[in-house]
Protein backbone atom coordinates (compact mmCIF):
# COMPACT_ATOMS: atom_id res chain seq x y z
CA MET A 1 79.22 76.06 115.09
CA PHE A 2 81.06 78.79 117.01
CA GLY A 3 84.14 76.55 117.37
CA ASP A 4 84.12 75.83 113.64
CA MET A 5 83.90 79.55 112.89
CA MET A 6 86.81 80.27 115.23
CA GLY A 7 88.83 77.52 113.57
CA LYS A 8 88.21 79.05 110.15
CA LEU A 9 89.20 82.49 111.42
CA LYS A 10 92.41 81.07 112.90
CA GLU A 11 93.17 79.30 109.62
CA ALA A 12 92.55 82.54 107.69
CA GLN A 13 94.87 84.41 110.06
CA GLU A 14 97.59 81.79 109.54
CA LYS A 15 97.22 82.09 105.76
CA VAL A 16 97.53 85.88 105.98
CA GLU A 17 100.70 85.54 108.08
CA ALA A 18 102.15 83.03 105.59
CA THR A 19 101.34 85.42 102.74
CA LYS A 20 103.07 88.28 104.56
CA LYS A 21 106.20 86.13 104.90
CA ARG A 22 106.00 85.18 101.22
CA MET A 23 105.89 88.88 100.32
CA ASP A 24 109.51 89.03 101.55
CA THR A 25 110.45 86.90 98.53
CA VAL A 26 108.45 88.88 95.94
CA MET A 27 110.80 91.44 94.38
CA VAL A 28 109.64 94.72 92.88
CA ASP A 29 112.00 96.44 90.44
CA GLU A 30 111.58 100.05 89.44
CA LYS A 31 113.73 102.16 87.11
CA SER A 32 113.93 105.86 86.43
CA SER A 33 112.44 106.82 83.08
CA ASP A 34 115.91 106.95 81.49
CA GLY A 35 117.16 103.80 83.25
CA LEU A 36 119.96 105.57 85.14
CA LEU A 37 118.63 104.53 88.54
CA LYS A 38 117.15 101.17 89.52
CA VAL A 39 115.79 100.11 92.90
CA THR A 40 114.61 96.71 94.10
CA LEU A 41 112.44 96.13 97.12
CA THR A 42 110.29 93.35 98.47
CA ALA A 43 106.50 93.43 98.34
CA ASN A 44 106.80 94.12 102.09
CA ARG A 45 108.57 97.36 101.12
CA GLU A 46 112.04 96.42 102.34
CA LEU A 47 114.79 97.95 100.21
CA LYS A 48 117.09 95.29 98.72
CA SER A 49 119.26 97.16 96.23
CA ILE A 50 119.94 100.48 94.54
CA ASP A 51 121.85 100.69 91.26
CA ILE A 52 123.02 104.20 90.39
CA ASP A 53 124.59 105.07 87.05
CA ASP A 54 127.91 106.91 87.51
CA SER A 55 126.60 109.90 85.54
CA LEU A 56 124.21 110.69 88.41
CA LEU A 57 127.02 110.96 90.94
CA ASP A 58 128.06 114.41 89.67
CA ASP A 59 124.80 116.14 90.64
CA LYS A 60 123.62 115.57 94.21
CA GLU A 61 120.24 117.32 93.72
CA GLN A 62 119.48 115.36 90.56
CA LEU A 63 120.37 112.09 92.30
CA GLU A 64 118.15 112.95 95.26
CA ASP A 65 115.25 113.72 92.88
CA TYR A 66 115.81 110.43 91.04
CA LEU A 67 115.84 108.51 94.33
CA ILE A 68 112.65 110.13 95.62
CA ILE A 69 110.69 109.63 92.40
CA THR A 70 111.88 106.08 91.75
CA MET A 71 111.55 104.94 95.36
CA ASN A 72 108.02 106.34 95.61
CA LYS A 73 106.99 104.51 92.43
CA ALA A 74 108.52 101.26 93.74
CA ILE A 75 106.87 101.63 97.16
CA LYS A 76 103.49 102.28 95.52
CA LYS A 77 103.84 99.21 93.29
CA ALA A 78 104.97 97.03 96.24
CA THR A 79 102.08 98.28 98.38
CA GLU A 80 99.55 97.45 95.65
CA ILE A 81 100.94 93.91 95.30
CA ASN A 82 101.04 93.42 99.07
CA GLU A 83 97.50 94.68 99.68
CA ALA A 84 96.04 92.66 96.80
CA GLU A 85 97.68 89.43 97.99
CA ILE A 86 96.67 89.91 101.65
CA ALA A 87 93.10 90.88 100.71
CA ALA A 88 92.73 87.83 98.46
CA VAL A 89 93.90 85.44 101.19
CA ALA A 90 91.82 87.13 103.89
CA LYS A 91 88.65 87.09 101.77
CA GLU A 92 89.19 83.45 100.78
CA GLY A 93 89.50 82.39 104.41
CA MET A 94 86.55 84.26 105.86
CA PRO A 95 83.82 81.99 107.21
CA ASN A 96 80.30 82.48 105.93
CA ILE A 97 78.69 84.42 108.78
CA PRO A 98 75.06 85.44 108.28
CA GLY A 99 74.70 89.21 108.21
CA LEU A 100 78.29 89.84 107.16
CA ASP A 101 77.59 89.49 103.43
CA MET A 102 77.79 93.26 103.09
CA PHE A 103 81.55 93.10 103.74
CA LYS A 104 82.34 90.87 100.76
């Protein structure tokens, strides 16, 4: 029984690792409210691209504000996707261990 439980835990761990790798291929796009700035990152929160409208290049402070706001929204969205995917895979792979029902 213990060996079977360890096998299931190892399998769950492998599924979590595979999901983490897959998150590198899930792209999250976020735009500023007026569409002048667009960022793309992976669900693992790796920045892939930034598209800046030329009109933002005249005002450094405005551009910095746009980057902070838009990047934070994109990071939040990517984190939510990442955590939901990892949690789903981890929960699915957990063996049924008596006494651990409270963690489900």
